[in-house]
Amino acid sequence: MTGAVQIGKIGTALQTFYLYSDVNGFTAPFESGVTRNSLLLGHPTDKIPNTTTVIRVMSVDVPGKYLDINI
């Protein structure tokens, strides 16, 4: 699936992210190394697994920090 993942506001301590899908229970990222700036602008991706209903954006910098986005 193709789309853009965008977050309106991200703290400056968070710079790099993994993107996960609910399709596999958020166990393996479908994309890694996504930057803060890319997410603020709208990160384009064609790697979203089919039938995804929730994308989890998880911080690399602060373990355990994430945001679930319903699509």
PDB file of N, CA and C in Angstrom:
ATOM      1  N   MET A   1       0.848  -1.158   0.000  1.00  0.00           N
ATOM      2  CA  MET A   1       0.000   0.000   0.000  1.00  0.00           C
ATOM      3  C   MET A   1       0.903   1.233   0.000  1.00  0.00           C
ATOM      4  N   THR A   2       0.453   2.276  -0.644  1.00  0.00           N
ATOM      5  CA  THR A   2       1.205   3.519  -0.729  1.00  0.00           C
ATOM      6  C   THR A   2       0.501   4.593   0.089  1.00  0.00           C
ATOM      7  N   GLY A   3       1.290   5.440   0.744  1.00  0.00           N
ATOM      8  CA  GLY A   3       0.711   6.522   1.522  1.00  0.00           C
ATOM      9  C   GLY A   3       1.793   7.441   2.043  1.00  0.00           C
ATOM     10  N   ALA A   4       1.375   8.413   2.831  1.00  0.00           N
ATOM     11  CA  ALA A   4       2.303   9.329   3.488  1.00  0.00           C
ATOM     12  C   ALA A   4       1.978   9.326   4.976  1.00  0.00           C
ATOM     13  N   VAL A   5       3.003   9.165   5.786  1.00  0.00           N
ATOM     14  CA  VAL A   5       2.844   9.172   7.230  1.00  0.00           C
ATOM     15  C   VAL A   5       3.295  10.547   7.722  1.00  0.00           C
ATOM     16  N   GLN A   6       2.388  11.258   8.380  1.00  0.00           N
ATOM     17  CA  GLN A   6       2.706  12.610   8.822  1.00  0.00           C
ATOM     18  C   GLN A   6       2.280  12.810  10.269  1.00  0.00           C
ATOM     19  N   ILE A   7       3.150  13.509  11.011  1.00  0.00           N
ATOM     20  CA  ILE A   7       2.869  13.876  12.395  1.00  0.00           C
ATOM     21  C   ILE A   7       3.033  15.384  12.491  1.00  0.00           C
ATOM     22  N   GLY A   8       2.087  16.057  13.107  1.00  0.00           N
ATOM     23  CA  GLY A   8       2.087  17.514  13.166  1.00  0.00           C
ATOM     24  C   GLY A   8       3.111  18.117  14.106  1.00  0.00           C
ATOM     25  N   LYS A   9       3.426  17.410  15.198  1.00  0.00           N
ATOM     26  CA  LYS A   9       4.349  17.964  16.182  1.00  0.00           C
ATOM     27  C   LYS A   9       5.153  16.825  16.800  1.00  0.00           C
ATOM     28  N   ILE A  10       6.487  16.983  16.811  1.00  0.00           N
ATOM     29  CA  ILE A  10       7.380  15.973  17.380  1.00  0.00           C
ATOM     30  C   ILE A  10       8.441  16.704  18.190  1.00  0.00           C
ATOM     31  N   GLY A  11       8.673  16.277  19.417  1.00  0.00           N
ATOM     32  CA  GLY A  11       9.709  16.879  20.250  1.00  0.00           C
ATOM     33  C   GLY A  11      11.087  16.728  19.621  1.00  0.00           C
ATOM     34  N   THR A  12      11.959  17.675  19.890  1.00  0.00           N
ATOM     35  CA  THR A  12      13.280  17.687  19.256  1.00  0.00           C
ATOM     36  C   THR A  12      14.195  16.576  19.760  1.00  0.00           C
ATOM     37  N   ALA A  13      13.881  15.962  20.895  1.00  0.00           N
ATOM     38  CA  ALA A  13      14.694  14.846  21.391  1.00  0.00           C
ATOM     39  C   ALA A  13      14.503  13.589  20.545  1.00  0.00           C
ATOM     40  N   LEU A  14      13.435  13.569  19.764  1.00  0.00           N
ATOM     41  CA  LEU A  14      13.126  12.409  18.925  1.00  0.00           C
ATOM     42  C   LEU A  14      13.522  12.726  17.488  1.00  0.00           C
ATOM     43  N   GLN A  15      14.462  11.971  16.941  1.00  0.00           N
ATOM     44  CA  GLN A  15      14.999  12.274  15.617  1.00  0.00           C
ATOM     45  C   GLN A  15      14.834  11.153  14.590  1.00  0.00           C
ATOM     46  N   THR A  16      14.817   9.904  15.049  1.00  0.00           N
ATOM     47  CA  THR A  16      14.784   8.766  14.131  1.00  0.00           C
ATOM     48  C   THR A  16      13.713   7.775  14.588  1.00  0.00           C
ATOM     49  N   PHE A  17      13.028   7.169  13.595  1.00  0.00           N
ATOM     50  CA  PHE A  17      11.867   6.339  13.907  1.00  0.00           C
ATOM     51  C   PHE A  17      11.816   5.068  13.067  1.00  0.00           C
ATOM     52  N   TYR A  18      11.124   4.065  13.619  1.00  0.00           N
ATOM     53  CA  TYR A  18      10.719   2.862  12.895  1.00  0.00           C
ATOM     54  C   TYR A  18       9.227   2.988  12.622  1.00  0.00           C
ATOM     55  N   LEU A  19       8.771   2.411  11.510  1.00  0.00           N
ATOM     56  CA  LEU A  19       7.336   2.344  11.209  1.00  0.00           C
ATOM     57  C   LEU A  19       6.901   0.885  11.259  1.00  0.00           C
ATOM     58  N   TYR A  20       5.861   0.609  12.036  1.00  0.00           N
ATOM     59  CA  TYR A  20       5.315  -0.737  12.203  1.00  0.00           C
ATOM     60  C   TYR A  20       3.874  -0.772  11.727  1.00  0.00           C
ATOM     61  N   SER A  21       3.364  -1.964  11.498  1.00  0.00           N
ATOM     62  CA  SER A  21       1.976  -2.180  11.100  1.00  0.00           C
ATOM     63  C   SER A  21       1.302  -3.161  12.055  1.00  0.00           C
ATOM     64  N   ASP A  22      -0.002  -3.006  12.212  1.00  0.00           N
ATOM     65  CA  ASP A  22      -0.762  -3.960  13.017  1.00  0.00           C
ATOM     66  C   ASP A  22      -0.916  -5.309  12.318  1.00  0.00           C
ATOM     67  N   VAL A  23      -0.608  -5.386  11.037  1.00  0.00           N
ATOM     68  CA  VAL A  23      -0.756  -6.635  10.280  1.00  0.00           C
ATOM     69  C   VAL A  23       0.043  -7.766  10.925  1.00  0.00           C
ATOM     70  N   ASN A  24       1.247  -7.442  11.425  1.00  0.00           N
ATOM     71  CA  ASN A  24       2.078  -8.472  12.055  1.00  0.00           C
ATOM     72  C   ASN A  24       2.211  -8.238  13.562  1.00  0.00           C
ATOM     73  N   GLY A  25       1.258  -7.519  14.139  1.00  0.00           N
ATOM     74  CA  GLY A  25       1.269  -7.277  15.576  1.00  0.00           C
ATOM     75  C   GLY A  25       2.385  -6.351  16.026  1.00  0.00           C
ATOM     76  N   PHE A  26       2.832  -5.478  15.138  1.00  0.00           N
ATOM     77  CA  PHE A  26       3.893  -4.515  15.432  1.00  0.00           C
ATOM     78  C   PHE A  26       5.199  -5.210  15.824  1.00  0.00           C
ATOM     79  N   THR A  27       5.460  -6.382  15.263  1.00  0.00           N
ATOM     80  CA  THR A  27       6.651  -7.149  15.653  1.00  0.00           C
ATOM     81  C   THR A  27       7.888  -6.859  14.812  1.00  0.00           C
ATOM     82  N   ALA A  28       7.705  -6.410  13.580  1.00  0.00           N
ATOM     83  CA  ALA A  28       8.844  -6.110  12.706  1.00  0.00           C
ATOM     84  C   ALA A  28       8.530  -4.845  11.921  1.00  0.00           C
ATOM     85  N   PRO A  29       9.448  -3.885  11.911  1.00  0.00           N
ATOM     86  CA  PRO A  29       9.163  -2.646  11.185  1.00  0.00           C
ATOM     87  C   PRO A  29       9.115  -2.865   9.676  1.00  0.00           C
ATOM     88  N   PHE A  30       8.222  -2.140   9.014  1.00  0.00           N
ATOM     89  CA  PHE A  30       8.209  -2.189   7.552  1.00  0.00           C
ATOM     90  C   PHE A  30       9.113  -1.107   6.972  1.00  0.00           C
ATOM     91  N   GLU A  31       9.543  -0.172   7.830  1.00  0.00           N
ATOM     92  CA  GLU A  31      10.493   0.843   7.399  1.00  0.00           C
ATOM     93  C   GLU A  31      11.281   1.311   8.615  1.00  0.00           C
ATOM     94  N   SER A  32      12.570   1.604   8.414  1.00  0.00           N
ATOM     95  CA  SER A  32      13.412   2.073   9.516  1.00  0.00           C
ATOM     96  C   SER A  32      14.228   3.277   9.065  1.00  0.00           C
ATOM     97  N   GLY A  33      14.759   3.996  10.038  1.00  0.00           N
ATOM     98  CA  GLY A  33      15.573   5.158   9.721  1.00  0.00           C
ATOM     99  C   GLY A  33      14.789   6.351   9.223  1.00  0.00           C
ATOM    100  N   VAL A  34      13.517   6.414   9.564  1.00  0.00           N
ATOM    101  CA  VAL A  34      12.670   7.531   9.142  1.00  0.00           C
ATOM    102  C   VAL A  34      12.997   8.738  10.030  1.00  0.00           C
ATOM    103  N   THR A  35      13.257   9.870   9.425  1.00  0.00           N
ATOM    104  CA  THR A  35      13.678  11.042  10.191  1.00  0.00           C
ATOM    105  C   THR A  35      12.505  11.873  10.687  1.00  0.00           C
ATOM    106  N   ARG A  36      12.773  12.644  11.698  1.00  0.00           N
ATOM    107  CA  ARG A  36      11.794  13.575  12.264  1.00  0.00           C
ATOM    108  C   ARG A  36      11.298  14.537  11.178  1.00  0.00           C
ATOM    109  N   ASN A  37      12.229  15.113  10.434  1.00  0.00           N
ATOM    110  CA  ASN A  37      11.841  16.070   9.386  1.00  0.00           C
ATOM    111  C   ASN A  37      10.945  15.435   8.339  1.00  0.00           C
ATOM    112  N   SER A  38      11.242  14.211   7.960  1.00  0.00           N
ATOM    113  CA  SER A  38      10.428  13.513   6.974  1.00  0.00           C
ATOM    114  C   SER A  38       8.996  13.321   7.483  1.00  0.00           C
ATOM    115  N   LEU A  39       8.856  12.953   8.752  1.00  0.00           N
ATOM    116  CA  LEU A  39       7.522  12.773   9.323  1.00  0.00           C
ATOM    117  C   LEU A  39       6.766  14.094   9.444  1.00  0.00           C
ATOM    118  N   LEU A  40       7.470  15.157   9.760  1.00  0.00           N
ATOM    119  CA  LEU A  40       6.812  16.464   9.857  1.00  0.00           C
ATOM    120  C   LEU A  40       6.312  16.941   8.492  1.00  0.00           C
ATOM    121  N   LEU A  41       7.049  16.607   7.440  1.00  0.00           N
ATOM    122  CA  LEU A  41       6.660  17.003   6.080  1.00  0.00           C
ATOM    123  C   LEU A  41       5.644  16.053   5.456  1.00  0.00           C
ATOM    124  N   GLY A  42       5.614  14.803   5.932  1.00  0.00           N
ATOM    125  CA  GLY A  42       4.770  13.758   5.351  1.00  0.00           C
ATOM    126  C   GLY A  42       5.653  12.749   4.654  1.00  0.00           C
ATOM    127  N   HIS A  43       6.018  11.690   5.356  1.00  0.00           N
ATOM    128  CA  HIS A  43       6.954  10.686   4.834  1.00  0.00           C
ATOM    129  C   HIS A  43       6.262   9.779   3.812  1.00  0.00           C
ATOM    130  N   PRO A  44       6.664   9.855   2.539  1.00  0.00           N
ATOM    131  CA  PRO A  44       6.054   8.992   1.525  1.00  0.00           C
ATOM    132  C   PRO A  44       6.615   7.576   1.611  1.00  0.00           C
ATOM    133  N   THR A  45       5.749   6.590   1.475  1.00  0.00           N
ATOM    134  CA  THR A  45       6.198   5.204   1.492  1.00  0.00           C
ATOM    135  C   THR A  45       5.274   4.336   0.643  1.00  0.00           C
ATOM    136  N   ASP A  46       5.868   3.346   0.014  1.00  0.00           N
ATOM    137  CA  ASP A  46       5.079   2.343  -0.711  1.00  0.00           C
ATOM    138  C   ASP A  46       5.243   0.981  -0.056  1.00  0.00           C
ATOM    139  N   LYS A  47       5.672   0.976   1.201  1.00  0.00           N
ATOM    140  CA  LYS A  47       5.955  -0.268   1.928  1.00  0.00           C
ATOM    141  C   LYS A  47       4.908  -0.625   2.974  1.00  0.00           C
ATOM    142  N   ILE A  48       3.820   0.114   3.057  1.00  0.00           N
ATOM    143  CA  ILE A  48       2.785  -0.180   4.042  1.00  0.00           C
ATOM    144  C   ILE A  48       2.129  -1.512   3.673  1.00  0.00           C
ATOM    145  N   PRO A  49       2.152  -2.499   4.576  1.00  0.00           N
ATOM    146  CA  PRO A  49       1.543  -3.787   4.257  1.00  0.00           C
ATOM    147  C   PRO A  49       0.047  -3.653   3.960  1.00  0.00           C
ATOM    148  N   ASN A  50      -0.419  -4.421   2.982  1.00  0.00           N
ATOM    149  CA  ASN A  50      -1.849  -4.447   2.665  1.00  0.00           C
ATOM    150  C   ASN A  50      -2.641  -4.837   3.900  1.00  0.00           C
ATOM    151  N   THR A  51      -3.798  -4.336   4.039  1.00  0.00           N
ATOM    152  CA  THR A  51      -4.759  -4.538   5.134  1.00  0.00           C
ATOM    153  C   THR A  51      -4.332  -3.867   6.444  1.00  0.00           C
ATOM    154  N   THR A  52      -3.318  -3.017   6.427  1.00  0.00           N
ATOM    155  CA  THR A  52      -2.922  -2.262   7.614  1.00  0.00           C
ATOM    156  C   THR A  52      -4.053  -1.323   8.014  1.00  0.00           C
ATOM    157  N   THR A  53      -4.370  -1.292   9.306  1.00  0.00           N
ATOM    158  CA  THR A  53      -5.341  -0.329   9.819  1.00  0.00           C
ATOM    159  C   THR A  53      -4.702   0.620  10.832  1.00  0.00           C
ATOM    160  N   VAL A  54      -3.554   0.226  11.387  1.00  0.00           N
ATOM    161  CA  VAL A  54      -2.839   1.070  12.348  1.00  0.00           C
ATOM    162  C   VAL A  54      -1.356   1.059  12.005  1.00  0.00           C
ATOM    163  N   ILE A  55      -0.772   2.248  11.922  1.00  0.00           N
ATOM    164  CA  ILE A  55       0.672   2.388  11.765  1.00  0.00           C
ATOM    165  C   ILE A  55       1.216   2.882  13.094  1.00  0.00           C
ATOM    166  N   ARG A  56       2.236   2.194  13.599  1.00  0.00           N
ATOM    167  CA  ARG A  56       2.902   2.613  14.831  1.00  0.00           C
ATOM    168  C   ARG A  56       4.224   3.281  14.459  1.00  0.00           C
ATOM    169  N   VAL A  57       4.388   4.523  14.887  1.00  0.00           N
ATOM    170  CA  VAL A  57       5.624   5.271  14.681  1.00  0.00           C
ATOM    171  C   VAL A  57       6.378   5.196  16.003  1.00  0.00           C
ATOM    172  N   MET A  58       7.509   4.472  16.008  1.00  0.00           N
ATOM    173  CA  MET A  58       8.244   4.242  17.247  1.00  0.00           C
ATOM    174  C   MET A  58       9.613   4.906  17.197  1.00  0.00           C
ATOM    175  N   SER A  59       9.922   5.622  18.264  1.00  0.00           N
ATOM    176  CA  SER A  59      11.197   6.326  18.373  1.00  0.00           C
ATOM    177  C   SER A  59      12.350   5.343  18.524  1.00  0.00           C
ATOM    178  N   VAL A  60      13.449   5.625  17.841  1.00  0.00           N
ATOM    179  CA  VAL A  60      14.698   4.896  18.048  1.00  0.00           C
ATOM    180  C   VAL A  60      15.437   5.534  19.224  1.00  0.00           C
ATOM    181  N   ASP A  61      15.321   6.848  19.358  1.00  0.00           N
ATOM    182  CA  ASP A  61      16.073   7.616  20.345  1.00  0.00           C
ATOM    183  C   ASP A  61      15.615   7.390  21.785  1.00  0.00           C
ATOM    184  N   VAL A  62      14.316   7.243  21.975  1.00  0.00           N
ATOM    185  CA  VAL A  62      13.760   7.029  23.309  1.00  0.00           C
ATOM    186  C   VAL A  62      12.926   5.748  23.251  1.00  0.00           C
ATOM    187  N   PRO A  63      13.515   4.611  23.652  1.00  0.00           N
ATOM    188  CA  PRO A  63      12.795   3.344  23.588  1.00  0.00           C
ATOM    189  C   PRO A  63      11.452   3.410  24.326  1.00  0.00           C
ATOM    190  N   GLY A  64      10.447   2.812  23.724  1.00  0.00           N
ATOM    191  CA  GLY A  64       9.120   2.766  24.323  1.00  0.00           C
ATOM    192  C   GLY A  64       8.232   3.940  23.957  1.00  0.00           C
ATOM    193  N   LYS A  65       8.772   4.971  23.315  1.00  0.00           N
ATOM    194  CA  LYS A  65       7.962   6.114  22.876  1.00  0.00           C
ATOM    195  C   LYS A  65       7.402   5.815  21.498  1.00  0.00           C
ATOM    196  N   TYR A  66       6.071   5.826  21.374  1.00  0.00           N
ATOM    197  CA  TYR A  66       5.460   5.591  20.067  1.00  0.00           C
ATOM    198  C   TYR A  66       4.118   6.282  19.980  1.00  0.00           C
ATOM    199  N   LEU A  67       3.660   6.385  18.732  1.00  0.00           N
ATOM    200  CA  LEU A  67       2.352   6.947  18.428  1.00  0.00           C
ATOM    201  C   LEU A  67       1.669   6.012  17.450  1.00  0.00           C
ATOM    202  N   ASP A  68       0.441   5.598  17.761  1.00  0.00           N
ATOM    203  CA  ASP A  68      -0.353   4.789  16.842  1.00  0.00           C
ATOM    204  C   ASP A  68      -1.242   5.706  16.019  1.00  0.00           C
ATOM    205  N   ILE A  69      -1.209   5.496  14.692  1.00  0.00           N
ATOM    206  CA  ILE A  69      -2.006   6.294  13.772  1.00  0.00           C
ATOM    207  C   ILE A  69      -2.997   5.364  13.074  1.00  0.00           C
ATOM    208  N   ASN A  70      -4.292   5.607  13.273  1.00  0.00           N
ATOM    209  CA  ASN A  70      -5.321   4.841  12.575  1.00  0.00           C
ATOM    210  C   ASN A  70      -5.405   5.348  11.133  1.00  0.00           C
ATOM    211  N   ILE A  71      -5.468   4.409  10.183  1.00  0.00           N
ATOM    212  CA  ILE A  71      -5.596   4.814   8.783  1.00  0.00           C
ATOM    213  C   ILE A  71      -6.870   4.265   8.192  1.00  0.00           C
TER     214      ILE A  71
END
